[in-house]
């Protein structure tokens, strides 16, 4: 994972002056609202659903961006440290965000990772080793917890409570909105449970190791070409491992994602005579709305892709 780099290097009083200037040029907070800063799209979406017109939500990751490789501008650092009333992020996921939060925040910084049981990437749903790169060194807690919609239910409750603490007058609205989004998330969970209950195969090949929570929740086996960091290219040995596993498990589809190059996935599929399809890790807001315009839509598109690839009935 790359080290964070500010686009302009400043220090001391100059840094404070720059942050103050950035606060005046950043997208304005709507008068009377609370400002929520979200490090990745799922939490940006959730804050919008729960906060409604009582919040202004600022996403740090641009649409179609790659979360692991995020770099913050001085303006975004100011959003985290000075302007945000509530900051939603995961520690040890995006180094640039960790660095900004570590400078201290005026608002409440909520580390979403602390809200759920973290998934160790060395274990799968059945307690056995996951099929991940043997030469990887990033075995740690998987940050992609939002791909299990029941985790998002937990996060929603925490966001609701923080917003109520910041804005007690909006308590009824926050509770009602949370009830609505919770029902939607539980509906997606039920669709996954039913849709993946009866399949010809349980394994699926992913571009990077983003789908551990999803696999654990629905009894699937993730075979990842890369480790947790999508920006680290696989070795030739790992590619050979994936090709062997795909053949052994009767895999029909090699999944890729739009935020990183599909070249490796396409090459593996081509050499093995397999098809390719998109499985979106949902780190960033979708740019291709044909596969869903928001979190719920993309989750449902991912479900359909998995059902087709795994021969589910």
C-alpha atoms as a PDB file:
ATOM      1  CA  UNK A   1       0.000   0.000   0.000  1.00  0.00           C
ATOM      2  CA  UNK A   2       1.400   3.349  -0.958  1.00  0.00           C
ATOM      3  CA  UNK A   3       2.371   5.964   1.594  1.00  0.00           C
ATOM      4  CA  UNK A   4       0.143   9.060   1.657  1.00  0.00           C
ATOM      5  CA  UNK A   5       1.393  12.099  -0.201  1.00  0.00           C
ATOM      6  CA  UNK A   6      -0.061  15.558   0.129  1.00  0.00           C
ATOM      7  CA  UNK A   7      -0.246  17.350  -3.168  1.00  0.00           C
ATOM      8  CA  UNK A   8       1.423  20.373  -1.607  1.00  0.00           C
ATOM      9  CA  UNK A   9       4.043  20.038   1.119  1.00  0.00           C
ATOM     10  CA  UNK A  10       3.678  22.532   3.915  1.00  0.00           C
ATOM     11  CA  UNK A  11       4.462  22.662   7.623  1.00  0.00           C
ATOM     12  CA  UNK A  12       3.945  24.660  10.783  1.00  0.00           C
ATOM     13  CA  UNK A  13       2.028  27.924  10.524  1.00  0.00           C
ATOM     14  CA  UNK A  14       1.998  27.658   6.745  1.00  0.00           C
ATOM     15  CA  UNK A  15       0.062  24.404   7.022  1.00  0.00           C
ATOM     16  CA  UNK A  16      -2.507  25.990   9.300  1.00  0.00           C
ATOM     17  CA  UNK A  17      -2.916  28.892   6.927  1.00  0.00           C
ATOM     18  CA  UNK A  18      -3.354  26.543   4.001  1.00  0.00           C
ATOM     19  CA  UNK A  19      -5.945  24.466   5.814  1.00  0.00           C
ATOM     20  CA  UNK A  20      -7.883  27.591   6.629  1.00  0.00           C
ATOM     21  CA  UNK A  21      -7.771  28.664   2.995  1.00  0.00           C
ATOM     22  CA  UNK A  22      -8.911  25.223   1.867  1.00  0.00           C
ATOM     23  CA  UNK A  23     -11.893  25.414   4.169  1.00  0.00           C
ATOM     24  CA  UNK A  24     -13.094  28.442   2.241  1.00  0.00           C
ATOM     25  CA  UNK A  25     -12.713  26.804  -1.186  1.00  0.00           C
ATOM     26  CA  UNK A  26     -14.081  23.332  -0.416  1.00  0.00           C
ATOM     27  CA  UNK A  27     -17.636  22.491  -1.397  1.00  0.00           C
ATOM     28  CA  UNK A  28     -19.792  24.474   1.037  1.00  0.00           C
ATOM     29  CA  UNK A  29     -21.752  22.964   3.869  1.00  0.00           C
ATOM     30  CA  UNK A  30     -25.435  23.705   3.410  1.00  0.00           C
ATOM     31  CA  UNK A  31     -26.451  26.134   6.187  1.00  0.00           C
ATOM     32  CA  UNK A  32     -28.035  24.384   9.137  1.00  0.00           C
ATOM     33  CA  UNK A  33     -26.676  20.936   8.245  1.00  0.00           C
ATOM     34  CA  UNK A  34     -23.982  18.774   9.764  1.00  0.00           C
ATOM     35  CA  UNK A  35     -20.990  17.906   7.584  1.00  0.00           C
ATOM     36  CA  UNK A  36     -20.153  14.206   7.236  1.00  0.00           C
ATOM     37  CA  UNK A  37     -16.852  13.211   5.635  1.00  0.00           C
ATOM     38  CA  UNK A  38     -16.705   9.625   4.341  1.00  0.00           C
ATOM     39  CA  UNK A  39     -13.475   7.938   3.280  1.00  0.00           C
ATOM     40  CA  UNK A  40     -15.145   5.493   0.876  1.00  0.00           C
ATOM     41  CA  UNK A  41     -18.403   5.310  -1.025  1.00  0.00           C
ATOM     42  CA  UNK A  42     -20.417   2.790   1.062  1.00  0.00           C
ATOM     43  CA  UNK A  43     -20.221   5.068   4.102  1.00  0.00           C
ATOM     44  CA  UNK A  44     -20.870   8.131   1.961  1.00  0.00           C
ATOM     45  CA  UNK A  45     -24.029   6.450   0.658  1.00  0.00           C
ATOM     46  CA  UNK A  46     -25.098   5.368   4.143  1.00  0.00           C
ATOM     47  CA  UNK A  47     -24.651   8.867   5.570  1.00  0.00           C
ATOM     48  CA  UNK A  48     -26.773  10.304   2.758  1.00  0.00           C
ATOM     49  CA  UNK A  49     -29.553   7.788   3.404  1.00  0.00           C
ATOM     50  CA  UNK A  50     -29.609   8.370   7.159  1.00  0.00           C
ATOM     51  CA  UNK A  51     -28.872  12.085   7.235  1.00  0.00           C
ATOM     52  CA  UNK A  52     -31.164  13.155   4.413  1.00  0.00           C
ATOM     53  CA  UNK A  53     -31.378  16.913   4.018  1.00  0.00           C
ATOM     54  CA  UNK A  54     -30.004  17.489   7.530  1.00  0.00           C
ATOM     55  CA  UNK A  55     -26.443  16.621   6.463  1.00  0.00           C
ATOM     56  CA  UNK A  56     -23.917  17.610   3.819  1.00  0.00           C
ATOM     57  CA  UNK A  57     -21.859  14.558   2.842  1.00  0.00           C
ATOM     58  CA  UNK A  58     -18.336  14.862   1.441  1.00  0.00           C
ATOM     59  CA  UNK A  59     -16.783  11.739  -0.101  1.00  0.00           C
ATOM     60  CA  UNK A  60     -12.987  11.580  -0.188  1.00  0.00           C
ATOM     61  CA  UNK A  61     -12.764   8.882  -2.868  1.00  0.00           C
ATOM     62  CA  UNK A  62     -13.764  10.054  -6.358  1.00  0.00           C
ATOM     63  CA  UNK A  63     -16.222   7.981  -8.426  1.00  0.00           C
ATOM     64  CA  UNK A  64     -14.443   5.011  -9.963  1.00  0.00           C
ATOM     65  CA  UNK A  65     -11.384   5.505  -7.729  1.00  0.00           C
ATOM     66  CA  UNK A  66      -9.237   2.852  -6.051  1.00  0.00           C
ATOM     67  CA  UNK A  67      -9.537   3.091  -2.274  1.00  0.00           C
ATOM     68  CA  UNK A  68      -6.202   1.551  -1.291  1.00  0.00           C
ATOM     69  CA  UNK A  69      -4.285   4.102  -3.353  1.00  0.00           C
ATOM     70  CA  UNK A  70      -6.147   7.213  -2.199  1.00  0.00           C
ATOM     71  CA  UNK A  71      -4.108  10.381  -1.813  1.00  0.00           C
ATOM     72  CA  UNK A  72      -5.602  13.442  -0.131  1.00  0.00           C
ATOM     73  CA  UNK A  73      -5.333  17.019  -1.281  1.00  0.00           C
ATOM     74  CA  UNK A  74      -4.760  19.690   1.374  1.00  0.00           C
ATOM     75  CA  UNK A  75      -8.436  20.602   0.922  1.00  0.00           C
ATOM     76  CA  UNK A  76      -9.478  17.055   1.795  1.00  0.00           C
ATOM     77  CA  UNK A  77      -7.173  17.013   4.805  1.00  0.00           C
ATOM     78  CA  UNK A  78      -8.992  20.140   5.969  1.00  0.00           C
ATOM     79  CA  UNK A  79     -12.320  18.363   5.473  1.00  0.00           C
ATOM     80  CA  UNK A  80     -11.124  15.641   7.844  1.00  0.00           C
ATOM     81  CA  UNK A  81      -9.365  17.751  10.458  1.00  0.00           C
ATOM     82  CA  UNK A  82     -11.242  21.061  10.479  1.00  0.00           C
ATOM     83  CA  UNK A  83     -14.549  20.995   8.634  1.00  0.00           C
ATOM     84  CA  UNK A  84     -16.085  17.596   9.316  1.00  0.00           C
ATOM     85  CA  UNK A  85     -18.578  17.129  12.142  1.00  0.00           C
ATOM     86  CA  UNK A  86     -18.498  13.351  11.637  1.00  0.00           C
ATOM     87  CA  UNK A  87     -15.727  11.435   9.862  1.00  0.00           C
ATOM     88  CA  UNK A  88     -16.433   7.864   8.734  1.00  0.00           C
ATOM     89  CA  UNK A  89     -13.347   5.797   7.952  1.00  0.00           C
ATOM     90  CA  UNK A  90     -11.551   2.516   8.629  1.00  0.00           C
ATOM     91  CA  UNK A  91      -8.194   2.496  10.353  1.00  0.00           C
ATOM     92  CA  UNK A  92      -5.279   0.650   8.718  1.00  0.00           C
ATOM     93  CA  UNK A  93      -6.996   0.718   5.322  1.00  0.00           C
ATOM     94  CA  UNK A  94      -6.149   4.032   3.653  1.00  0.00           C
ATOM     95  CA  UNK A  95      -2.855   5.413   4.909  1.00  0.00           C
ATOM     96  CA  UNK A  96      -3.625   8.954   3.791  1.00  0.00           C
ATOM     97  CA  UNK A  97      -6.852   9.004   5.796  1.00  0.00           C
ATOM     98  CA  UNK A  98      -5.128   7.529   8.853  1.00  0.00           C
ATOM     99  CA  UNK A  99      -2.536  10.289   8.590  1.00  0.00           C
ATOM    100  CA  UNK A 100      -5.176  13.015   8.417  1.00  0.00           C
ATOM    101  CA  UNK A 101      -7.186  11.607  11.333  1.00  0.00           C
ATOM    102  CA  UNK A 102      -3.954  11.274  13.293  1.00  0.00           C
ATOM    103  CA  UNK A 103      -3.477  15.041  13.104  1.00  0.00           C
ATOM    104  CA  UNK A 104      -6.593  15.417  15.245  1.00  0.00           C
ATOM    105  CA  UNK A 105     -10.153  16.175  14.214  1.00  0.00           C
ATOM    106  CA  UNK A 106     -12.527  18.906  15.278  1.00  0.00           C
ATOM    107  CA  UNK A 107     -15.450  16.548  14.778  1.00  0.00           C
ATOM    108  CA  UNK A 108     -16.183  12.954  15.775  1.00  0.00           C
ATOM    109  CA  UNK A 109     -14.024  10.370  13.993  1.00  0.00           C
ATOM    110  CA  UNK A 110     -15.810   7.003  13.801  1.00  0.00           C
ATOM    111  CA  UNK A 111     -13.542   4.067  12.969  1.00  0.00           C
ATOM    112  CA  UNK A 112     -16.071   1.744  11.359  1.00  0.00           C
ATOM    113  CA  UNK A 113     -13.710  -1.209  11.683  1.00  0.00           C
ATOM    114  CA  UNK A 114     -14.302  -1.217  15.454  1.00  0.00           C
ATOM    115  CA  UNK A 115     -18.031  -1.848  15.036  1.00  0.00           C
ATOM    116  CA  UNK A 116     -17.949  -5.397  13.650  1.00  0.00           C
ATOM    117  CA  UNK A 117     -16.098  -8.671  14.070  1.00  0.00           C
ATOM    118  CA  UNK A 118     -13.066  -8.298  11.827  1.00  0.00           C
ATOM    119  CA  UNK A 119     -12.354 -11.070   9.325  1.00  0.00           C
ATOM    120  CA  UNK A 120      -8.823 -12.451   9.384  1.00  0.00           C
ATOM    121  CA  UNK A 121      -7.879 -13.008   5.753  1.00  0.00           C
ATOM    122  CA  UNK A 122      -6.050 -16.231   6.614  1.00  0.00           C
ATOM    123  CA  UNK A 123      -9.341 -17.971   7.391  1.00  0.00           C
ATOM    124  CA  UNK A 124     -12.452 -18.578   5.335  1.00  0.00           C
ATOM    125  CA  UNK A 125     -16.040 -19.236   6.309  1.00  0.00           C
ATOM    126  CA  UNK A 126     -15.371 -22.913   7.026  1.00  0.00           C
ATOM    127  CA  UNK A 127     -12.268 -22.189   9.106  1.00  0.00           C
ATOM    128  CA  UNK A 128      -9.767 -23.324   6.475  1.00  0.00           C
ATOM    129  CA  UNK A 129      -7.135 -21.241   4.773  1.00  0.00           C
ATOM    130  CA  UNK A 130      -8.487 -19.043   2.028  1.00  0.00           C
ATOM    131  CA  UNK A 131      -7.112 -19.407  -1.475  1.00  0.00           C
ATOM    132  CA  UNK A 132      -5.033 -16.231  -1.386  1.00  0.00           C
ATOM    133  CA  UNK A 133      -1.553 -15.416  -2.685  1.00  0.00           C
ATOM    134  CA  UNK A 134       1.123 -17.574  -1.076  1.00  0.00           C
ATOM    135  CA  UNK A 135       3.655 -14.788  -1.571  1.00  0.00           C
ATOM    136  CA  UNK A 136       1.517 -11.990  -0.129  1.00  0.00           C
ATOM    137  CA  UNK A 137       2.475 -10.165   3.056  1.00  0.00           C
ATOM    138  CA  UNK A 138      -0.782  -8.294   3.682  1.00  0.00           C
ATOM    139  CA  UNK A 139      -2.624 -10.951   5.661  1.00  0.00           C
ATOM    140  CA  UNK A 140      -4.507  -8.854   8.172  1.00  0.00           C
ATOM    141  CA  UNK A 141      -8.035  -7.819   9.017  1.00  0.00           C
ATOM    142  CA  UNK A 142     -10.006  -7.481   5.775  1.00  0.00           C
ATOM    143  CA  UNK A 143     -11.320  -3.892   5.482  1.00  0.00           C
ATOM    144  CA  UNK A 144     -14.081  -4.696   2.958  1.00  0.00           C
ATOM    145  CA  UNK A 145     -16.724  -5.241   5.627  1.00  0.00           C
ATOM    146  CA  UNK A 146     -19.434  -3.344   3.701  1.00  0.00           C
ATOM    147  CA  UNK A 147     -19.823  -6.265   1.262  1.00  0.00           C
ATOM    148  CA  UNK A 148     -21.755  -8.077   3.990  1.00  0.00           C
ATOM    149  CA  UNK A 149     -25.010  -6.068   4.198  1.00  0.00           C
ATOM    150  CA  UNK A 150     -25.575  -7.170   7.783  1.00  0.00           C
ATOM    151  CA  UNK A 151     -22.394  -5.301   8.715  1.00  0.00           C
ATOM    152  CA  UNK A 152     -23.866  -2.232   7.057  1.00  0.00           C
ATOM    153  CA  UNK A 153     -26.891  -2.578   9.334  1.00  0.00           C
ATOM    154  CA  UNK A 154     -24.535  -2.327  12.304  1.00  0.00           C
ATOM    155  CA  UNK A 155     -22.754   0.671  10.808  1.00  0.00           C
ATOM    156  CA  UNK A 156     -26.088   2.367  10.098  1.00  0.00           C
ATOM    157  CA  UNK A 157     -27.068   2.204  13.762  1.00  0.00           C
ATOM    158  CA  UNK A 158     -23.747   3.745  14.787  1.00  0.00           C
ATOM    159  CA  UNK A 159     -24.063   6.557  12.239  1.00  0.00           C
ATOM    160  CA  UNK A 160     -27.608   7.246  13.454  1.00  0.00           C
ATOM    161  CA  UNK A 161     -26.455   7.508  17.062  1.00  0.00           C
ATOM    162  CA  UNK A 162     -23.565   9.853  16.211  1.00  0.00           C
ATOM    163  CA  UNK A 163     -25.828  12.109  14.169  1.00  0.00           C
ATOM    164  CA  UNK A 164     -28.385  12.255  16.964  1.00  0.00           C
ATOM    165  CA  UNK A 165     -25.622  13.264  19.379  1.00  0.00           C
ATOM    166  CA  UNK A 166     -24.554  16.033  16.981  1.00  0.00           C
ATOM    167  CA  UNK A 167     -28.070  17.139  16.070  1.00  0.00           C
ATOM    168  CA  UNK A 168     -30.689  16.122  18.673  1.00  0.00           C
ATOM    169  CA  UNK A 169     -33.418  18.050  16.851  1.00  0.00           C
ATOM    170  CA  UNK A 170     -33.092  15.613  13.956  1.00  0.00           C
ATOM    171  CA  UNK A 171     -33.415  12.478  16.085  1.00  0.00           C
ATOM    172  CA  UNK A 172     -36.813  11.426  14.732  1.00  0.00           C
ATOM    173  CA  UNK A 173     -35.690  11.861  11.126  1.00  0.00           C
ATOM    174  CA  UNK A 174     -32.453   9.970  11.698  1.00  0.00           C
ATOM    175  CA  UNK A 175     -34.288   7.084  13.356  1.00  0.00           C
ATOM    176  CA  UNK A 176     -36.902   6.872  10.609  1.00  0.00           C
ATOM    177  CA  UNK A 177     -34.284   7.010   7.859  1.00  0.00           C
ATOM    178  CA  UNK A 178     -32.203   4.348   9.581  1.00  0.00           C
ATOM    179  CA  UNK A 179     -35.234   2.076   9.839  1.00  0.00           C
ATOM    180  CA  UNK A 180     -35.800   2.493   6.098  1.00  0.00           C
ATOM    181  CA  UNK A 181     -32.220   1.781   5.062  1.00  0.00           C
ATOM    182  CA  UNK A 182     -31.985  -1.132   7.500  1.00  0.00           C
ATOM    183  CA  UNK A 183     -35.016  -2.746   5.872  1.00  0.00           C
ATOM    184  CA  UNK A 184     -33.395  -2.288   2.445  1.00  0.00           C
ATOM    185  CA  UNK A 185     -30.131  -3.835   3.626  1.00  0.00           C
ATOM    186  CA  UNK A 186     -31.922  -6.795   5.190  1.00  0.00           C
ATOM    187  CA  UNK A 187     -33.789  -7.294   1.926  1.00  0.00           C
ATOM    188  CA  UNK A 188     -30.493  -7.489   0.010  1.00  0.00           C
ATOM    189  CA  UNK A 189     -29.166  -9.950   2.592  1.00  0.00           C
ATOM    190  CA  UNK A 190     -32.242 -12.141   2.111  1.00  0.00           C
ATOM    191  CA  UNK A 191     -31.819 -11.997  -1.669  1.00  0.00           C
ATOM    192  CA  UNK A 192     -28.209 -13.163  -1.362  1.00  0.00           C
ATOM    193  CA  UNK A 193     -29.089 -15.961   1.044  1.00  0.00           C
ATOM    194  CA  UNK A 194     -31.817 -17.279  -1.238  1.00  0.00           C
ATOM    195  CA  UNK A 195     -29.981 -16.611  -4.492  1.00  0.00           C
ATOM    196  CA  UNK A 196     -26.777 -18.402  -3.472  1.00  0.00           C
ATOM    197  CA  UNK A 197     -28.351 -21.278  -1.558  1.00  0.00           C
ATOM    198  CA  UNK A 198     -28.318 -23.829  -4.387  1.00  0.00           C
ATOM    199  CA  UNK A 199     -25.372 -23.555  -6.797  1.00  0.00           C
ATOM    200  CA  UNK A 200     -23.258 -25.915  -8.866  1.00  0.00           C
ATOM    201  CA  UNK A 201     -20.081 -24.563  -7.291  1.00  0.00           C
ATOM    202  CA  UNK A 202     -19.114 -22.442  -4.287  1.00  0.00           C
ATOM    203  CA  UNK A 203     -15.783 -21.066  -5.479  1.00  0.00           C
ATOM    204  CA  UNK A 204     -15.270 -17.818  -7.388  1.00  0.00           C
ATOM    205  CA  UNK A 205     -12.130 -16.092  -8.679  1.00  0.00           C
ATOM    206  CA  UNK A 206     -11.713 -12.399  -7.854  1.00  0.00           C
ATOM    207  CA  UNK A 207      -9.286  -9.729  -8.991  1.00  0.00           C
ATOM    208  CA  UNK A 208      -8.255  -8.979  -5.411  1.00  0.00           C
ATOM    209  CA  UNK A 209      -9.086 -10.257  -1.958  1.00  0.00           C
ATOM    210  CA  UNK A 210     -12.076  -7.990  -1.343  1.00  0.00           C
ATOM    211  CA  UNK A 211     -14.922 -10.460  -0.941  1.00  0.00           C
ATOM    212  CA  UNK A 212     -14.041 -12.343   2.230  1.00  0.00           C
ATOM    213  CA  UNK A 213     -16.963 -10.982   4.263  1.00  0.00           C
ATOM    214  CA  UNK A 214     -19.381 -11.767   1.444  1.00  0.00           C
ATOM    215  CA  UNK A 215     -17.949 -15.281   1.062  1.00  0.00           C
ATOM    216  CA  UNK A 216     -18.146 -15.899   4.801  1.00  0.00           C
ATOM    217  CA  UNK A 217     -21.736 -14.701   5.043  1.00  0.00           C
ATOM    218  CA  UNK A 218     -23.048 -16.802   2.164  1.00  0.00           C
ATOM    219  CA  UNK A 219     -20.871 -19.907   2.332  1.00  0.00           C
ATOM    220  CA  UNK A 220     -18.691 -19.247  -0.708  1.00  0.00           C
ATOM    221  CA  UNK A 221     -14.960 -19.739  -1.318  1.00  0.00           C
ATOM    222  CA  UNK A 222     -13.018 -16.737  -2.584  1.00  0.00           C
ATOM    223  CA  UNK A 223     -10.001 -17.423  -4.809  1.00  0.00           C
ATOM    224  CA  UNK A 224      -8.134 -14.142  -5.200  1.00  0.00           C
ATOM    225  CA  UNK A 225      -5.569 -13.257  -7.850  1.00  0.00           C
ATOM    226  CA  UNK A 226      -4.128 -10.465  -5.691  1.00  0.00           C
ATOM    227  CA  UNK A 227      -4.077  -9.922  -1.946  1.00  0.00           C
ATOM    228  CA  UNK A 228      -5.901  -7.224   0.003  1.00  0.00           C
ATOM    229  CA  UNK A 229      -4.237  -4.408  -1.909  1.00  0.00           C
ATOM    230  CA  UNK A 230      -5.536  -4.294  -5.469  1.00  0.00           C
ATOM    231  CA  UNK A 231      -2.565  -2.204  -6.596  1.00  0.00           C
ATOM    232  CA  UNK A 232      -0.001  -4.971  -5.926  1.00  0.00           C
ATOM    233  CA  UNK A 233       0.445  -7.110  -9.032  1.00  0.00           C
ATOM    234  CA  UNK A 234       0.445 -10.926  -8.667  1.00  0.00           C
ATOM    235  CA  UNK A 235       3.531 -13.013  -9.320  1.00  0.00           C
ATOM    236  CA  UNK A 236       3.760 -15.572 -12.104  1.00  0.00           C
ATOM    237  CA  UNK A 237       3.577 -18.287  -9.444  1.00  0.00           C
ATOM    238  CA  UNK A 238       0.301 -16.920  -8.118  1.00  0.00           C
ATOM    239  CA  UNK A 239      -1.193 -16.711 -11.592  1.00  0.00           C
ATOM    240  CA  UNK A 240      -0.279 -20.370 -12.114  1.00  0.00           C
ATOM    241  CA  UNK A 241      -1.909 -21.236  -8.773  1.00  0.00           C
ATOM    242  CA  UNK A 242      -5.133 -19.501  -9.765  1.00  0.00           C
ATOM    243  CA  UNK A 243      -5.189 -21.263 -13.131  1.00  0.00           C
ATOM    244  CA  UNK A 244      -4.788 -24.619 -11.394  1.00  0.00           C
ATOM    245  CA  UNK A 245      -7.457 -23.834  -8.801  1.00  0.00           C
ATOM    246  CA  UNK A 246      -9.897 -22.627 -11.439  1.00  0.00           C
ATOM    247  CA  UNK A 247      -9.526 -25.889 -13.330  1.00  0.00           C
ATOM    248  CA  UNK A 248      -9.789 -28.004 -10.184  1.00  0.00           C
ATOM    249  CA  UNK A 249     -12.899 -26.189  -8.897  1.00  0.00           C
ATOM    250  CA  UNK A 250     -14.703 -26.112 -12.240  1.00  0.00           C
ATOM    251  CA  UNK A 251     -14.665 -22.312 -12.355  1.00  0.00           C
ATOM    252  CA  UNK A 252     -16.405 -20.806 -15.394  1.00  0.00           C
ATOM    253  CA  UNK A 253     -15.761 -17.097 -14.837  1.00  0.00           C
ATOM    254  CA  UNK A 254     -12.815 -14.926 -13.860  1.00  0.00           C
ATOM    255  CA  UNK A 255     -14.026 -11.738 -12.215  1.00  0.00           C
ATOM    256  CA  UNK A 256     -12.366  -8.362 -12.630  1.00  0.00           C
ATOM    257  CA  UNK A 257     -13.129  -4.873 -11.343  1.00  0.00           C
ATOM    258  CA  UNK A 258     -13.251  -1.546 -13.106  1.00  0.00           C
ATOM    259  CA  UNK A 259     -10.924   0.436 -10.806  1.00  0.00           C
ATOM    260  CA  UNK A 260      -7.847  -1.661 -11.676  1.00  0.00           C
ATOM    261  CA  UNK A 261      -6.571  -3.057 -14.950  1.00  0.00           C
ATOM    262  CA  UNK A 262      -8.471  -6.183 -16.048  1.00  0.00           C
ATOM    263  CA  UNK A 263      -5.466  -7.444 -18.040  1.00  0.00           C
ATOM    264  CA  UNK A 264      -4.427 -10.217 -15.637  1.00  0.00           C
ATOM    265  CA  UNK A 265      -7.984 -11.496 -15.160  1.00  0.00           C
ATOM    266  CA  UNK A 266      -8.546 -11.445 -18.902  1.00  0.00           C
ATOM    267  CA  UNK A 267      -5.285 -13.292 -19.571  1.00  0.00           C
ATOM    268  CA  UNK A 268      -6.123 -16.043 -17.070  1.00  0.00           C
ATOM    269  CA  UNK A 269      -9.581 -16.432 -18.567  1.00  0.00           C
ATOM    270  CA  UNK A 270      -8.260 -16.456 -22.124  1.00  0.00           C
ATOM    271  CA  UNK A 271      -5.614 -19.104 -21.395  1.00  0.00           C
ATOM    272  CA  UNK A 272      -8.171 -21.340 -19.679  1.00  0.00           C
ATOM    273  CA  UNK A 273     -11.013 -20.735 -22.124  1.00  0.00           C
ATOM    274  CA  UNK A 274     -13.178 -19.106 -19.453  1.00  0.00           C
ATOM    275  CA  UNK A 275     -15.439 -16.054 -19.487  1.00  0.00           C
ATOM    276  CA  UNK A 276     -14.949 -12.778 -17.620  1.00  0.00           C
ATOM    277  CA  UNK A 277     -17.373 -10.568 -15.745  1.00  0.00           C
ATOM    278  CA  UNK A 278     -17.332  -7.640 -13.321  1.00  0.00           C
ATOM    279  CA  UNK A 279     -17.550  -8.123  -9.561  1.00  0.00           C
ATOM    280  CA  UNK A 280     -17.465  -4.670  -8.011  1.00  0.00           C
ATOM    281  CA  UNK A 281     -15.830  -4.302  -4.562  1.00  0.00           C
ATOM    282  CA  UNK A 282     -17.879  -1.113  -4.155  1.00  0.00           C
ATOM    283  CA  UNK A 283     -15.086   0.992  -2.732  1.00  0.00           C
ATOM    284  CA  UNK A 284     -16.008   3.952  -4.951  1.00  0.00           C
ATOM    285  CA  UNK A 285     -19.229   5.367  -6.331  1.00  0.00           C
ATOM    286  CA  UNK A 286     -20.076   3.537  -9.566  1.00  0.00           C
ATOM    287  CA  UNK A 287     -19.410   5.277 -12.852  1.00  0.00           C
ATOM    288  CA  UNK A 288     -21.145   2.601 -14.930  1.00  0.00           C
ATOM    289  CA  UNK A 289     -24.735   2.872 -13.744  1.00  0.00           C
ATOM    290  CA  UNK A 290     -25.811  -0.030 -15.959  1.00  0.00           C
ATOM    291  CA  UNK A 291     -24.611  -2.230 -13.079  1.00  0.00           C
ATOM    292  CA  UNK A 292     -26.417  -0.184 -10.449  1.00  0.00           C
ATOM    293  CA  UNK A 293     -26.390   3.482  -9.585  1.00  0.00           C
ATOM    294  CA  UNK A 294     -25.857   3.093  -5.834  1.00  0.00           C
ATOM    295  CA  UNK A 295     -24.789   0.637  -3.141  1.00  0.00           C
ATOM    296  CA  UNK A 296     -27.978  -1.410  -3.294  1.00  0.00           C
ATOM    297  CA  UNK A 297     -28.000  -1.558  -7.084  1.00  0.00           C
ATOM    298  CA  UNK A 298     -24.380  -2.689  -7.341  1.00  0.00           C
ATOM    299  CA  UNK A 299     -24.855  -5.293  -4.616  1.00  0.00           C
ATOM    300  CA  UNK A 300     -27.742  -6.748  -6.598  1.00  0.00           C
ATOM    301  CA  UNK A 301     -25.699  -6.686  -9.817  1.00  0.00           C
ATOM    302  CA  UNK A 302     -22.895  -8.535  -8.013  1.00  0.00           C
ATOM    303  CA  UNK A 303     -25.394 -11.138  -6.842  1.00  0.00           C
ATOM    304  CA  UNK A 304     -26.586 -11.756 -10.384  1.00  0.00           C
ATOM    305  CA  UNK A 305     -22.998 -12.101 -11.596  1.00  0.00           C
ATOM    306  CA  UNK A 306     -22.231 -14.655  -8.880  1.00  0.00           C
ATOM    307  CA  UNK A 307     -25.408 -16.608  -9.609  1.00  0.00           C
ATOM    308  CA  UNK A 308     -24.584 -16.820 -13.305  1.00  0.00           C
ATOM    309  CA  UNK A 309     -20.943 -17.780 -12.743  1.00  0.00           C
ATOM    310  CA  UNK A 310     -21.716 -20.415 -10.119  1.00  0.00           C
ATOM    311  CA  UNK A 311     -24.716 -22.004 -11.802  1.00  0.00           C
ATOM    312  CA  UNK A 312     -27.165 -21.086  -9.059  1.00  0.00           C
ATOM    313  CA  UNK A 313     -30.827 -22.027  -9.261  1.00  0.00           C
END
